[in-house]
Amino acid sequence: MIASICFVISMWHNPIVTQVPERELAPVLTQKVKENPADFVAWNKIGAYYLQLAQETGDHSIFREAEGAFRHALQASAMNQTARQGMARALSGRHLFMDALREARTLAYSDIAETESLALLGDIHLSMGHVREAKSLFAELDRLHSTPESWMRLTQVHLALGNAAQAREWADLLETQLNGDDERVAWTRTTWAKYLSDRDPDLAKAILDEVIEISPQFVWAKVALAEIELAKGSWQRVVDLLSPIAKTNERPRVHLMVAEAQRQLGHVTEAEHIETAVSTRVQKQVSQGDWGHARDLIEHWLNQPDTELVSRAVDWASYEFAQVRQDQKAAELLAWGLSSMDRNAEAADLLQPYLSHQDLPTTFLFRAGIICAKAGRDLTARHLLAAALMRQTGNIGQLESEAKAYMKKTISWNKSASKP
């Protein structure tokens, strides 16, 4: 069963370390299906191997290989549940979420539905930004079969909802039941640190340092720590953390962080080479219908002075928001791009449904506040920017400077208006 490799959507969106015993058997399995194309068990194992490989390398094109293997399995055994679960995982890995959702719903609402099918459906909903649907499914999953995997999911979904206290309860339950060196504990601690990274970066860093000390091979913790170090301006530390990972992992964000650090260290030519390689690779993937890494490049383009790149980022962000997923980050990136093109009222309207969410990320608060300020919605802007500035993370750079300048100006206006 796919359940035996835990739950997997993406190493970076719902990152879970998996165990695939078929790794060493891959050549044998490939030979088996050549001899007997109807061997759906072998096809399922090949698909599971490719799912794991796609996570480890960050190469989303490998999800295509996984999808192909599971299609072969379904051709041989149309009702095979393991193959259909694997197919949904592969499609989700390619960010073809609507297709993945159809597969997952077929399983979850069938007469032979099982807990893995509920978990799969919830995972896909969460990746699409359907947080309340995911919460309902994960709660039902825990009611039917309470396990560390269900607690991990509930930790993540409560953080997505801004329910930090409830998330902490599930995380504590997990830690009381598992050893500190268990990779599920490393995952949960890293998820918690990611949540804290723009709220209390010093505490987040301390958590990640401990995770890496206990589980030195846990890549996601190193990437999360590098994000904090990059915001602090610890350029050499970023290079030291990520350069070994970049040798075997194609995740664009890893390479783009290395490029930014190298640029700040004065290695401009090397940085440009990395950025060009990432841009070429991701644009090729998108042209083939794979949007898994598009968001990393959108964010990078939005930070560039080149108006053509910003325009392209807005085009991509518009497509992602309309066709791929409508989560909070998708709305934030699209709105920030629109604002960069002086379409501030449109951007502010886009963000409006998300402003009522609890405990919004600091970067979102800053960007939304700045957009509302530019759109002339001063009351909302002051509320958002005051909330962001109260956190005093010191890691937001230009956004924080722009917010402080706006707040200082509005205070001056208010003082002038109050004079007789």
Foldseek 3Di string as FASTA:
>chain_A
DLCQQPDAQACAPQNDHGDQPCQVVLVVLVVVCVVPLLPLVSLLSNLSNLSNLCRLAVPLVSLVVSLVSLVSSCVNPVPDLSSLLSNLSSCSSLLQLVVSLVSLVCQCPDPPHDLVSLQSNLVSCVVQAVLVSSLVSLVVSCVVPNDLSSLLSNLLSCLLLQNNVRSVVSLVVSPVVDPCLPRSNLSSLLSVLLSCCLQAVVVSLVSLVVSCVSVVPSLSSLLSNLVSCVLVLVLVSLCVSQVVSVVRHLQLLSLQSNLVSCVVVVNPVVSVVSLVVNVVVQVVSVVVVRCNRVVSQLVVLLPDPDLVSLVVSLVVLVCCCVRRHPHLVSLLSNLSSCVVVVNLVVSLVSCVVVPPRHPDRLVSLLSNLVSCVSVVVNVSNVVSLVVSVVSVNSRPPPSVVVSVVVVVVVVVVVVVVPDD
